[in-house]
Amino acid sequence: MIDLNTLRQKLGLSETPDTRTVSLRALTHDGRLATEHHLFMPLPRCQGSIPDFINQAISKGCQAMLVDHAMVQSLRHVPEHFLLIVPDFYQALSMIYPLFYGSLPTHRVAITGTDGKTSVAHILHQLWNLTNKPNASIGTIGLFSSPALTPPFAMHDGMTTQPQPILYHALSWYKDHGVDHAVFEASSHALAQERLNPLRVPVAIFTNFAQDHLDYHGNLYAYWQAKWRLFTHSMIDGPAFALISNTIPLFTHDQKRIKSNVSVIRYGQDTGAVSGADNATYRIISRSFNSQQVLFDVMGHQWKSEIPLIGGFQIHNVLAAILAFVCTGGTLDELIPVLPNLTPVLGRMEHVAQYNGAHIYVDYSHTPQGIEMALRALRPSTPGQLGIVFGCGGDRDALKRPLMGQAAQKYSDWVVVTDDNPRREDPADIRQHILVGCPDAQSISPRSAALAHAISRLKPGDALLVAGKGHETTQTIGHHVLEHSDHAWIQSYCEKTQ
């Protein structure tokens, strides 16, 4: 807790004739959450009207708001003693957050990318667990840490990147309880809105880049710029590492924007390149329906490991996690023996059932590239036919729908298009958008009927990919949120019908 006058002094602001006693206990960037004990700090890059956000906060009883000189021009209706007016908003944030939240874990890893963020985060979390390093993972599928730790706060369900106050609070709480390793996902929305500021990390990962979220960013260039902010605005000033997939082309002008203290390490599949930058690679030696034998070459060290995960892209994710493990103080000697103990990430290329001699997998892939990678990963271990069931979310990037259809038709033997989370859109319209790219596909609704049809046509040696929802346990149709888990539904159906 800090009183308003003390905060003014810490920020170097002149005193005001304000005689109020305002005790501030927490920070928020959301006017809807502000109370009399919050310092409200409207983010300049968030979509919407700053005056509207301020009015929301005032209506909730908030009496202290941080703004800069540009914002204050539109806030003449707000009592001056409510405002802490600073010349540099983000510099002020870097001073304020440490006042409210204590120290953070030393080893912090942030992950961005179109696909793979959750998988890399969870694999790294497993590696830390398997080598007895207290840690926390914060991301799309929730909060993971030692079972002995029960945080006294709630995460926003389904959010890739938590709001700054929640993220800071979580990291600070974990540090106070002996956790010095933490990983979190950094979405393009959070980066574009500067929602990570003033947090800085010593290790950042860029998993891949493909079309997504154009409904928000407008075009691929703006989407790229948002992702790249992690490496230009969110790295610490000391020794730091940027781990970037070798599937991502880097241009000279992008590389020049990375600070000189940041070491760039490229990683990915061994393509035979001799470039010194490609110093962390893998080569898959053999595959089965639930594991792969892999040759790793990391910083001059080579070894073979049995990895109980499916698909080359999962090995790509494992390699990113290996590098992050090493860059956060771990050693290969302690890591290599535990790699065969990895387990699939919930809803990420997860083998969920066998039916009539066929294998069924659930995956969160919801982009054209994600569909392609998942199907190509299953093809080598599928002697029979490979089918896919998927849909697309409503109120999201509509341009990717036919592209997902194209990928599904190109890399599978048969396609069933169904409903994902249609939200406020007509599910039939969404399916028609997808069918433009896969005109030979069947369109079946609801999702349960599509799953039943797809499973019933499986023969020995076949494989089925159920894509899009992954770990999710609900389906949003209109204003209704219905219970639905692909994982649970498939297992129940297979048990009843076999």
Protein backbone atom coordinates (compact mmCIF):
# COMPACT_ATOMS: atom_id res chain seq x y z
CA MET A 1 0.00 0.00 0.00
CA ILE A 2 1.24 3.51 -0.81
CA ASP A 3 -0.44 6.84 -0.29
CA LEU A 4 -0.99 9.23 -3.19
CA ASN A 5 1.29 11.99 -1.91
CA THR A 6 4.18 9.56 -1.46
CA LEU A 7 3.64 8.32 -5.00
CA ARG A 8 3.77 11.89 -6.29
CA GLN A 9 7.10 12.36 -4.54
CA LYS A 10 8.50 9.10 -5.96
CA LEU A 11 7.58 10.27 -9.47
CA GLY A 12 9.17 13.68 -8.89
CA LEU A 13 5.87 15.52 -9.32
CA SER A 14 5.15 18.84 -7.67
CA GLU A 15 2.81 18.82 -4.71
CA THR A 16 -0.82 19.89 -5.09
CA PRO A 17 -3.16 21.52 -2.57
CA ASP A 18 -4.92 18.15 -2.42
CA THR A 19 -5.83 17.33 1.20
CA ARG A 20 -7.28 13.89 0.50
CA THR A 21 -5.85 10.75 2.05
CA VAL A 22 -5.84 8.20 -0.77
CA SER A 23 -4.32 4.81 -0.04
CA LEU A 24 -3.42 2.90 -3.19
CA ARG A 25 -3.23 -0.88 -2.93
CA ALA A 26 -3.15 -2.03 -6.54
CA LEU A 27 -2.65 -1.03 -10.16
CA THR A 28 -4.99 -1.47 -13.11
CA HIS A 29 -5.08 -0.58 -16.80
CA ASP A 30 -8.79 -1.40 -17.05
CA GLY A 31 -11.18 1.37 -16.05
CA ARG A 32 -13.91 -1.20 -15.41
CA LEU A 33 -11.83 -2.71 -12.60
CA ALA A 34 -10.71 0.51 -10.94
CA THR A 35 -11.79 1.24 -7.35
CA GLU A 36 -10.94 3.91 -4.79
CA HIS A 37 -7.82 1.92 -3.89
CA HIS A 38 -6.50 1.54 -7.46
CA LEU A 39 -4.13 3.68 -9.46
CA PHE A 40 -5.69 3.65 -12.92
CA MET A 41 -3.23 3.88 -15.83
CA PRO A 42 -4.94 3.97 -19.28
CA LEU A 43 -2.60 2.53 -21.89
CA PRO A 44 -2.03 4.92 -24.83
CA ARG A 45 -2.00 2.12 -27.43
CA CYS A 46 -5.22 0.41 -26.36
CA GLN A 47 -8.14 0.76 -28.74
CA GLY A 48 -10.81 3.12 -27.48
CA SER A 49 -11.23 6.57 -25.98
CA ILE A 50 -9.02 7.62 -23.06
CA PRO A 51 -11.71 10.00 -21.71
CA ASP A 52 -14.22 7.13 -21.78
CA PHE A 53 -11.80 4.90 -19.88
CA ILE A 54 -11.21 7.66 -17.31
CA ASN A 55 -14.96 8.16 -16.88
CA GLN A 56 -15.36 4.43 -16.28
CA ALA A 57 -12.72 4.56 -13.55
CA ILE A 58 -14.26 7.61 -11.87
CA SER A 59 -17.69 5.96 -11.88
CA LYS A 60 -16.12 3.04 -9.98
CA GLY A 61 -14.76 5.38 -7.31
CA CYS A 62 -11.19 5.69 -8.55
CA GLN A 63 -9.47 8.89 -7.40
CA ALA A 64 -5.98 8.57 -8.89
CA MET A 65 -5.04 8.26 -12.57
CA LEU A 66 -1.65 8.28 -14.28
CA VAL A 67 -1.60 10.17 -17.59
CA ASP A 68 0.93 11.93 -19.80
CA HIS A 69 0.79 15.41 -21.32
CA ALA A 70 -0.76 14.16 -24.57
CA MET A 71 -3.62 12.45 -22.74
CA VAL A 72 -4.40 15.34 -20.41
CA GLN A 73 -5.47 17.58 -23.30
CA SER A 74 -8.74 15.65 -23.54
CA LEU A 75 -9.33 15.41 -19.79
CA ARG A 76 -10.25 18.96 -18.87
CA HIS A 77 -13.43 17.71 -17.19
CA VAL A 78 -11.44 15.63 -14.68
CA PRO A 79 -10.46 17.26 -11.35
CA GLU A 80 -6.77 18.11 -11.58
CA HIS A 81 -5.96 16.55 -8.20
CA PHE A 82 -7.14 13.18 -9.57
CA LEU A 83 -4.38 13.18 -12.19
CA LEU A 84 -0.71 12.33 -11.92
CA ILE A 85 0.63 13.99 -15.07
CA VAL A 86 4.01 12.64 -16.19
CA PRO A 87 6.18 13.56 -19.20
CA ASP A 88 6.89 9.90 -20.14
CA PHE A 89 4.11 7.40 -19.43
CA TYR A 90 6.16 4.23 -19.83
CA GLN A 91 9.13 5.54 -17.89
CA ALA A 92 6.71 6.26 -15.07
CA LEU A 93 5.39 2.69 -15.28
CA SER A 94 8.92 1.35 -14.82
CA MET A 95 9.11 3.30 -11.56
CA ILE A 96 5.61 2.50 -10.31
CA TYR A 97 5.46 -1.28 -10.76
CA PRO A 98 8.41 -2.04 -8.43
CA LEU A 99 6.72 0.08 -5.75
CA PHE A 100 3.64 -2.15 -5.76
CA TYR A 101 5.22 -5.50 -6.57
CA GLY A 102 8.46 -6.88 -5.21
CA SER A 103 11.31 -8.55 -7.06
CA LEU A 104 10.65 -10.99 -9.92
CA PRO A 105 12.14 -14.38 -10.81
CA THR A 106 15.63 -13.94 -12.21
CA HIS A 107 15.10 -16.32 -15.12
CA ARG A 108 12.13 -14.99 -17.11
CA VAL A 109 11.24 -16.32 -20.56
CA ALA A 110 8.68 -14.74 -22.89
CA ILE A 111 7.39 -16.61 -25.95
CA THR A 112 5.72 -15.17 -29.03
CA GLY A 113 4.77 -16.69 -32.40
CA THR A 114 1.70 -17.61 -34.41
CA ASP A 115 1.77 -21.24 -33.28
CA GLY A 116 3.63 -23.17 -30.60
CA LYS A 117 3.70 -20.68 -27.72
CA THR A 118 1.76 -22.87 -25.31
CA SER A 119 3.65 -26.02 -26.27
CA VAL A 120 7.08 -24.47 -25.80
CA ALA A 121 6.04 -22.94 -22.48
CA HIS A 122 4.68 -26.22 -21.15
CA ILE A 123 7.66 -28.25 -22.39
CA LEU A 124 10.04 -25.80 -20.70
CA HIS A 125 7.93 -26.04 -17.53
CA GLN A 126 8.30 -29.83 -17.68
CA LEU A 127 12.07 -29.62 -18.17
CA TRP A 128 12.40 -27.36 -15.14
CA ASN A 129 10.21 -29.74 -13.11
CA LEU A 130 12.15 -32.82 -14.21
CA THR A 131 15.41 -31.17 -13.10
CA ASN A 132 13.99 -29.92 -9.78
CA LYS A 133 13.92 -26.20 -10.57
CA PRO A 134 10.95 -24.46 -8.90
CA ASN A 135 9.13 -22.67 -11.70
CA ALA A 136 5.89 -21.21 -13.03
CA SER A 137 4.28 -21.23 -16.47
CA ILE A 138 1.60 -18.64 -17.29
CA GLY A 139 -0.35 -18.81 -20.54
CA THR A 140 -3.31 -19.90 -22.63
CA ILE A 141 -4.07 -23.13 -20.80
CA GLY A 142 -3.64 -21.63 -17.34
CA LEU A 143 -1.16 -21.45 -14.54
CA PHE A 144 1.27 -24.28 -13.80
CA SER A 145 3.72 -24.50 -10.94
CA SER A 146 4.71 -26.77 -8.08
CA PRO A 147 1.68 -28.55 -6.57
CA ALA A 148 2.82 -27.23 -3.20
CA LEU A 149 2.18 -23.65 -4.34
CA THR A 150 -1.39 -22.37 -4.36
CA PRO A 151 -1.40 -18.75 -5.57
CA PRO A 152 -3.93 -16.43 -3.87
CA PHE A 153 -5.03 -14.88 -7.15
CA ALA A 154 -7.00 -15.80 -10.26
CA MET A 155 -5.93 -15.80 -13.87
CA HIS A 156 -8.19 -14.56 -16.70
CA ASP A 157 -9.42 -17.76 -18.36
CA GLY A 158 -8.32 -18.23 -21.97
CA MET A 159 -6.08 -15.16 -22.11
CA THR A 160 -2.76 -15.74 -23.84
CA THR A 161 -1.08 -12.87 -21.98
CA GLN A 162 -2.39 -11.77 -18.62
CA PRO A 163 -2.84 -8.02 -17.91
CA GLN A 164 0.33 -6.43 -16.46
CA PRO A 165 -0.90 -6.12 -12.87
CA ILE A 166 -1.92 -9.79 -12.76
CA LEU A 167 1.30 -10.92 -14.47
CA TYR A 168 3.47 -8.80 -12.15
CA HIS A 169 1.55 -9.93 -9.09
CA ALA A 170 1.94 -13.57 -10.10
CA LEU A 171 5.65 -13.29 -10.85
CA SER A 172 6.33 -11.35 -7.65
CA TRP A 173 4.34 -13.82 -5.54
CA TYR A 174 6.23 -16.75 -7.03
CA LYS A 175 9.57 -15.08 -6.38
CA ASP A 176 8.58 -14.56 -2.75
CA HIS A 177 7.83 -18.29 -2.55
CA GLY A 178 11.16 -19.52 -3.89
CA VAL A 179 10.47 -19.63 -7.63
CA ASP A 180 13.28 -18.22 -9.75
CA HIS A 181 12.28 -19.60 -13.18
CA ALA A 182 9.17 -18.41 -15.00
CA VAL A 183 7.83 -18.54 -18.55
CA PHE A 184 4.86 -16.73 -20.06
CA GLU A 185 3.28 -16.25 -23.48
CA ALA A 186 3.39 -12.87 -25.23
CA SER A 187 0.53 -12.39 -27.69
CA SER A 188 0.64 -9.98 -30.61
CA HIS A 189 -2.28 -8.07 -29.08
CA ALA A 190 -0.40 -7.58 -25.81
CA LEU A 191 2.76 -6.50 -27.62
CA ALA A 192 0.94 -4.09 -29.94
CA GLN A 193 -0.81 -2.48 -26.99
CA GLU A 194 2.46 -2.40 -24.99
CA ARG A 195 0.75 -4.49 -22.33
CA LEU A 196 4.06 -6.03 -21.24
CA ASN A 197 5.59 -2.69 -20.28
CA PRO A 198 7.58 -2.19 -18.17
CA LEU A 199 8.41 -5.92 -17.87
CA ARG A 200 11.70 -6.96 -19.44
CA VAL A 201 13.05 -10.48 -20.01
CA PRO A 202 16.52 -12.00 -20.45
CA VAL A 203 15.22 -14.72 -22.81
CA ALA A 204 12.66 -14.31 -25.61
CA ILE A 205 11.51 -16.95 -28.12
CA PHE A 206 9.93 -16.49 -31.57
CA THR A 207 8.39 -19.84 -32.56
CA ASN A 208 7.10 -19.10 -36.07
CA PHE A 209 5.22 -16.53 -38.12
CA ALA A 210 2.15 -17.03 -40.35
CA GLN A 211 -1.15 -15.33 -41.08
CA ASP A 212 -3.42 -14.81 -38.09
CA HIS A 213 -5.27 -12.03 -36.24
CA LEU A 214 -5.57 -9.79 -39.30
CA ASP A 215 -9.00 -8.83 -37.98
CA TYR A 216 -7.09 -6.91 -35.29
CA HIS A 217 -3.77 -5.92 -36.90
CA GLY A 218 -5.10 -5.18 -40.38
CA ASN A 219 -2.18 -6.62 -42.35
CA LEU A 220 0.78 -8.96 -42.04
CA TYR A 221 3.29 -6.12 -41.69
CA ALA A 222 1.52 -4.70 -38.63
CA TYR A 223 1.22 -8.22 -37.20
CA TRP A 224 4.97 -8.74 -37.71
CA GLN A 225 5.80 -5.39 -36.11
CA ALA A 226 3.76 -6.34 -33.05
CA LYS A 227 5.62 -9.65 -32.66
CA TRP A 228 9.01 -8.04 -33.23
CA ARG A 229 8.42 -5.58 -30.38
CA LEU A 230 9.25 -8.41 -27.98
CA PHE A 231 12.84 -8.29 -29.21
CA THR A 232 13.19 -4.53 -29.59
CA HIS A 233 11.27 -3.26 -26.54
CA SER A 234 11.06 -6.07 -23.99
CA MET A 235 14.63 -7.34 -23.52
CA ILE A 236 16.71 -6.50 -20.45
CA ASP A 237 19.80 -4.29 -20.76
CA GLY A 238 22.15 -7.01 -19.46
CA PRO A 239 23.10 -10.29 -21.18
CA ALA A 240 20.05 -11.55 -23.04
CA PHE A 241 19.11 -14.17 -25.64
CA ALA A 242 16.72 -14.03 -28.61
CA LEU A 243 15.86 -17.58 -29.71
CA ILE A 244 14.36 -17.35 -33.20
CA SER A 245 13.11 -20.22 -35.35
CA ASN A 246 15.04 -20.68 -38.58
CA THR A 247 11.68 -20.83 -40.38
CA ILE A 248 11.44 -17.05 -39.86
CA PRO A 249 13.38 -14.94 -42.38
CA LEU A 250 15.14 -12.02 -40.71
CA PHE A 251 15.94 -8.92 -42.69
CA THR A 252 18.89 -6.66 -41.98
CA HIS A 253 16.74 -3.74 -40.86
CA ASP A 254 14.95 -5.98 -38.35
CA GLN A 255 18.20 -7.35 -36.93
CA LYS A 256 19.63 -3.84 -36.54
CA ARG A 257 16.77 -2.97 -34.21
CA ILE A 258 17.90 -5.61 -31.69
CA LYS A 259 20.15 -4.16 -28.99
CA SER A 260 23.80 -5.16 -29.03
CA ASN A 261 23.56 -6.92 -25.65
CA VAL A 262 21.14 -9.50 -27.11
CA SER A 263 22.64 -12.71 -28.54
CA VAL A 264 20.54 -14.09 -31.41
CA ILE A 265 20.37 -17.90 -31.66
CA ARG A 266 18.59 -19.53 -34.59
CA TYR A 267 17.09 -22.99 -34.12
CA GLY A 268 15.18 -25.56 -36.12
CA GLN A 269 15.34 -28.54 -38.43
CA ASP A 270 18.74 -29.48 -39.86
CA THR A 271 18.54 -28.33 -43.46
CA GLY A 272 22.22 -28.81 -44.24
CA ALA A 273 22.91 -25.08 -43.92
CA VAL A 274 26.46 -24.21 -42.92
CA SER A 275 25.61 -20.77 -41.53
CA GLY A 276 27.17 -20.19 -38.13
CA ALA A 277 23.89 -18.67 -36.95
CA ASP A 278 22.06 -21.98 -37.30
CA ASN A 279 23.70 -23.47 -34.22
CA ALA A 280 20.82 -25.46 -32.76
CA THR A 281 19.27 -28.10 -35.01
CA TYR A 282 17.47 -31.42 -34.96
CA ARG A 283 17.02 -34.33 -37.36
CA ILE A 284 14.28 -36.94 -36.92
CA ILE A 285 15.69 -40.46 -37.34
CA SER A 286 12.53 -42.53 -36.93
CA ARG A 287 8.86 -42.18 -35.95
CA SER A 288 6.07 -44.20 -34.40
CA PHE A 289 2.44 -43.24 -33.71
CA ASN A 290 3.42 -41.72 -30.32
CA SER A 291 7.17 -40.99 -30.28
CA GLN A 292 10.22 -40.02 -32.34
CA GLN A 293 13.93 -40.80 -32.28
CA VAL A 294 15.78 -37.51 -32.72
CA LEU A 295 19.38 -36.38 -33.27
CA PHE A 296 19.99 -32.99 -31.60
CA ASP A 297 22.92 -30.65 -32.28
CA VAL A 298 22.96 -27.81 -29.78
CA MET A 299 25.90 -25.43 -29.58
CA GLY A 300 28.31 -28.11 -30.77
CA HIS A 301 26.92 -30.92 -28.59
CA GLN A 302 25.26 -33.87 -30.36
CA TRP A 303 23.11 -36.62 -28.86
CA LYS A 304 20.14 -38.88 -29.65
CA SER A 305 16.94 -38.91 -27.63
CA GLU A 306 13.61 -40.71 -27.72
CA ILE A 307 10.97 -37.95 -27.57
CA PRO A 308 7.44 -39.19 -26.71
CA LEU A 309 5.72 -36.52 -28.80
CA ILE A 310 4.28 -36.56 -32.32
CA GLY A 311 5.30 -34.41 -35.29
CA GLY A 312 8.36 -32.54 -36.44
CA PHE A 313 6.93 -29.25 -35.23
CA GLN A 314 6.82 -30.67 -31.71
CA ILE A 315 10.54 -31.43 -31.93
CA HIS A 316 10.94 -27.84 -33.10
CA ASN A 317 9.18 -26.80 -29.89
CA VAL A 318 11.32 -29.13 -27.78
CA LEU A 319 14.47 -27.60 -29.26
CA ALA A 320 13.28 -24.09 -28.37
CA ALA A 321 12.62 -25.26 -24.80
CA ILE A 322 16.06 -26.89 -24.63
CA LEU A 323 17.73 -23.63 -25.63
CA ALA A 324 15.66 -21.66 -23.12
CA PHE A 325 16.60 -24.18 -20.43
CA VAL A 326 20.30 -23.66 -21.16
CA CYS A 327 19.95 -19.86 -21.43
CA THR A 328 18.33 -19.78 -17.99
CA GLY A 329 21.21 -21.47 -16.23
CA GLY A 330 20.53 -25.15 -16.92
CA THR A 331 23.04 -27.62 -18.35
CA LEU A 332 22.77 -30.27 -21.05
CA ASP A 333 24.13 -32.86 -18.64
CA GLU A 334 21.07 -32.54 -16.40
CA LEU A 335 18.62 -32.05 -19.28
CA ILE A 336 19.46 -34.90 -21.69
CA PRO A 337 18.52 -37.77 -19.33
CA VAL A 338 15.01 -36.36 -18.70
CA LEU A 339 13.95 -35.70 -22.31
CA PRO A 340 12.34 -39.17 -22.71
CA ASN A 341 10.09 -38.31 -19.75
CA LEU A 342 8.30 -35.45 -21.52
CA THR A 343 4.52 -35.78 -21.86
CA PRO A 344 2.20 -34.28 -24.51
CA VAL A 345 0.84 -30.83 -23.83
CA LEU A 346 -2.90 -30.75 -23.19
CA GLY A 347 -4.71 -30.50 -26.54
CA ARG A 348 -1.49 -30.18 -28.53
CA MET A 349 -1.05 -33.11 -30.91
CA GLU A 350 -2.46 -35.29 -28.16
CA HIS A 351 -3.21 -38.95 -28.86
CA VAL A 352 -6.62 -39.37 -27.21
CA ALA A 353 -8.05 -42.68 -28.44
CA GLN A 354 -7.82 -45.71 -30.69
CA TYR A 355 -10.85 -46.83 -32.68
CA ASN A 356 -11.10 -49.85 -34.99
CA GLY A 357 -7.31 -49.97 -35.32
CA ALA A 358 -7.04 -46.24 -36.10
CA HIS A 359 -5.51 -43.46 -34.02
CA ILE A 360 -7.30 -40.22 -33.07
CA TYR A 361 -5.48 -37.00 -32.18
CA VAL A 362 -6.66 -33.65 -30.82
CA ASP A 363 -4.75 -30.48 -31.66
CA TYR A 364 -5.25 -26.75 -31.13
CA SER A 365 -4.15 -25.88 -34.69
CA HIS A 366 -6.35 -23.02 -35.89
CA THR A 367 -4.30 -21.38 -38.65
CA PRO A 368 -3.47 -22.54 -42.20
CA GLN A 369 0.12 -23.22 -41.17
CA GLY A 370 -0.99 -25.02 -38.01
CA ILE A 371 -3.31 -27.31 -40.01
CA GLU A 372 -0.53 -28.07 -42.49
CA MET A 373 2.06 -28.80 -39.80
CA ALA A 374 -0.26 -31.09 -37.86
CA LEU A 375 -1.32 -33.13 -40.90
CA ARG A 376 2.21 -33.40 -42.25
CA ALA A 377 3.33 -34.57 -38.82
CA LEU A 378 0.80 -37.43 -38.84
CA ARG A 379 1.33 -38.57 -42.42
CA PRO A 380 4.62 -40.53 -41.93
CA SER A 381 3.11 -42.74 -39.21
CA THR A 382 -0.26 -43.26 -40.98
CA PRO A 383 -0.22 -46.26 -43.35
CA GLY A 384 -3.93 -45.83 -44.08
CA GLN A 385 -6.01 -42.74 -44.75
CA LEU A 386 -5.62 -39.47 -42.87
CA GLY A 387 -8.78 -37.49 -42.11
CA ILE A 388 -9.43 -34.16 -40.42
CA VAL A 389 -12.36 -32.51 -38.63
CA PHE A 390 -12.12 -28.76 -38.04
CA GLY A 391 -13.91 -25.43 -38.13
CA CYS A 392 -13.08 -21.75 -37.65
CA GLY A 393 -13.95 -19.30 -34.91
CA GLY A 394 -16.45 -16.53 -35.54
CA ASP A 395 -15.74 -12.81 -35.06
CA ARG A 396 -12.10 -13.46 -35.97
CA ASP A 397 -9.84 -13.30 -39.05
CA ALA A 398 -12.16 -14.45 -41.87
CA LEU A 399 -9.45 -14.31 -44.54
CA LYS A 400 -7.72 -17.38 -43.17
CA ARG A 401 -10.81 -19.63 -43.47
CA PRO A 402 -10.44 -20.70 -47.13
CA LEU A 403 -6.68 -20.98 -46.59
CA MET A 404 -7.29 -23.43 -43.76
CA GLY A 405 -9.61 -25.33 -46.08
CA GLN A 406 -6.90 -25.47 -48.74
CA ALA A 407 -4.34 -26.80 -46.25
CA ALA A 408 -6.78 -29.41 -44.96
CA GLN A 409 -7.65 -30.68 -48.45
CA LYS A 410 -4.04 -30.70 -49.65
CA TYR A 411 -2.52 -32.62 -46.73
CA SER A 412 -5.32 -35.05 -45.80
CA ASP A 413 -7.31 -37.73 -47.62
CA TRP A 414 -10.71 -36.49 -46.50
CA VAL A 415 -12.10 -33.46 -44.73
CA VAL A 416 -15.11 -32.80 -42.49
CA VAL A 417 -15.87 -29.12 -41.88
CA THR A 418 -17.85 -28.34 -38.76
CA ASP A 419 -18.38 -25.63 -36.13
CA ASP A 420 -15.66 -24.31 -33.84
CA ASN A 421 -16.69 -21.30 -31.74
CA PRO A 422 -19.01 -19.45 -34.15
CA ARG A 423 -19.73 -16.79 -31.53
CA ARG A 424 -22.05 -14.17 -33.06
CA GLU A 425 -21.63 -15.31 -36.68
CA ASP A 426 -23.89 -17.75 -38.51
CA PRO A 427 -22.10 -21.14 -38.28
CA ALA A 428 -23.28 -22.07 -41.79
CA ASP A 429 -21.65 -18.93 -43.22
CA ILE A 430 -18.34 -19.79 -41.56
CA ARG A 431 -18.44 -23.31 -42.96
CA GLN A 432 -19.14 -21.93 -46.45
CA HIS A 433 -16.08 -19.66 -46.18
CA ILE A 434 -13.94 -22.70 -45.35
CA LEU A 435 -15.45 -24.81 -48.16
CA VAL A 436 -14.17 -22.31 -50.71
CA GLY A 437 -10.75 -23.80 -50.03
CA CYS A 438 -11.88 -27.43 -49.76
CA PRO A 439 -14.89 -27.92 -52.06
CA ASP A 440 -14.69 -31.73 -51.76
CA ALA A 441 -15.18 -31.64 -47.99
CA GLN A 442 -18.32 -32.64 -46.10
CA SER A 443 -20.03 -29.95 -44.03
CA ILE A 444 -21.62 -31.38 -40.86
CA SER A 445 -23.12 -29.56 -37.88
CA PRO A 446 -23.17 -29.72 -34.89
CA ARG A 447 -19.62 -30.62 -33.91
CA SER A 448 -20.69 -33.81 -32.13
CA ALA A 449 -22.34 -35.11 -35.31
CA ALA A 450 -19.22 -34.31 -37.32
CA LEU A 451 -17.03 -36.17 -34.83
CA ALA A 452 -19.33 -39.19 -34.80
CA HIS A 453 -19.35 -39.35 -38.60
CA ALA A 454 -15.57 -39.01 -38.88
CA ILE A 455 -14.83 -41.65 -36.25
CA SER A 456 -17.32 -44.12 -37.72
CA ARG A 457 -15.51 -44.14 -41.07
CA LEU A 458 -12.10 -45.00 -39.61
CA LYS A 459 -10.41 -48.23 -40.69
CA PRO A 460 -7.31 -50.03 -39.36
CA GLY A 461 -4.17 -47.98 -40.07
CA ASP A 462 -6.09 -44.72 -40.46
CA ALA A 463 -5.59 -41.56 -38.40
CA LEU A 464 -7.96 -38.71 -37.57
CA LEU A 465 -6.95 -35.19 -36.59
CA VAL A 466 -9.56 -33.19 -34.69
CA ALA A 467 -8.29 -29.63 -34.93
CA GLY A 468 -9.10 -26.20 -33.60
CA LYS A 469 -10.26 -26.47 -30.01
CA GLY A 470 -7.47 -28.46 -28.39
CA HIS A 471 -7.62 -28.03 -24.61
CA GLU A 472 -10.87 -26.02 -24.61
CA THR A 473 -13.81 -27.38 -22.62
CA THR A 474 -16.53 -25.04 -23.92
CA GLN A 475 -18.04 -23.99 -27.24
CA THR A 476 -19.42 -20.48 -27.77
CA ILE A 477 -22.49 -20.30 -30.01
CA GLY A 478 -24.18 -16.91 -30.11
CA HIS A 479 -24.38 -15.72 -26.52
CA HIS A 480 -24.40 -19.26 -25.13
CA VAL A 481 -21.33 -21.01 -23.73
CA LEU A 482 -21.86 -24.77 -23.93
CA GLU A 483 -19.81 -27.50 -22.33
CA HIS A 484 -17.77 -29.38 -24.93
CA SER A 485 -14.37 -31.04 -24.81
CA ASP A 486 -13.13 -32.79 -27.96
CA HIS A 487 -10.90 -34.96 -25.76
CA ALA A 488 -13.70 -36.09 -23.41
CA TRP A 489 -16.32 -36.45 -26.16
CA ILE A 490 -14.09 -38.63 -28.35
CA GLN A 491 -13.05 -40.89 -25.49
CA SER A 492 -16.66 -41.34 -24.37
CA TYR A 493 -17.85 -42.09 -27.91
CA CYS A 494 -15.10 -44.63 -28.54
CA GLU A 495 -15.79 -46.42 -25.23
CA LYS A 496 -19.51 -46.67 -26.00
CA THR A 497 -19.25 -47.80 -29.61
CA GLN A 498 -16.34 -50.24 -29.63
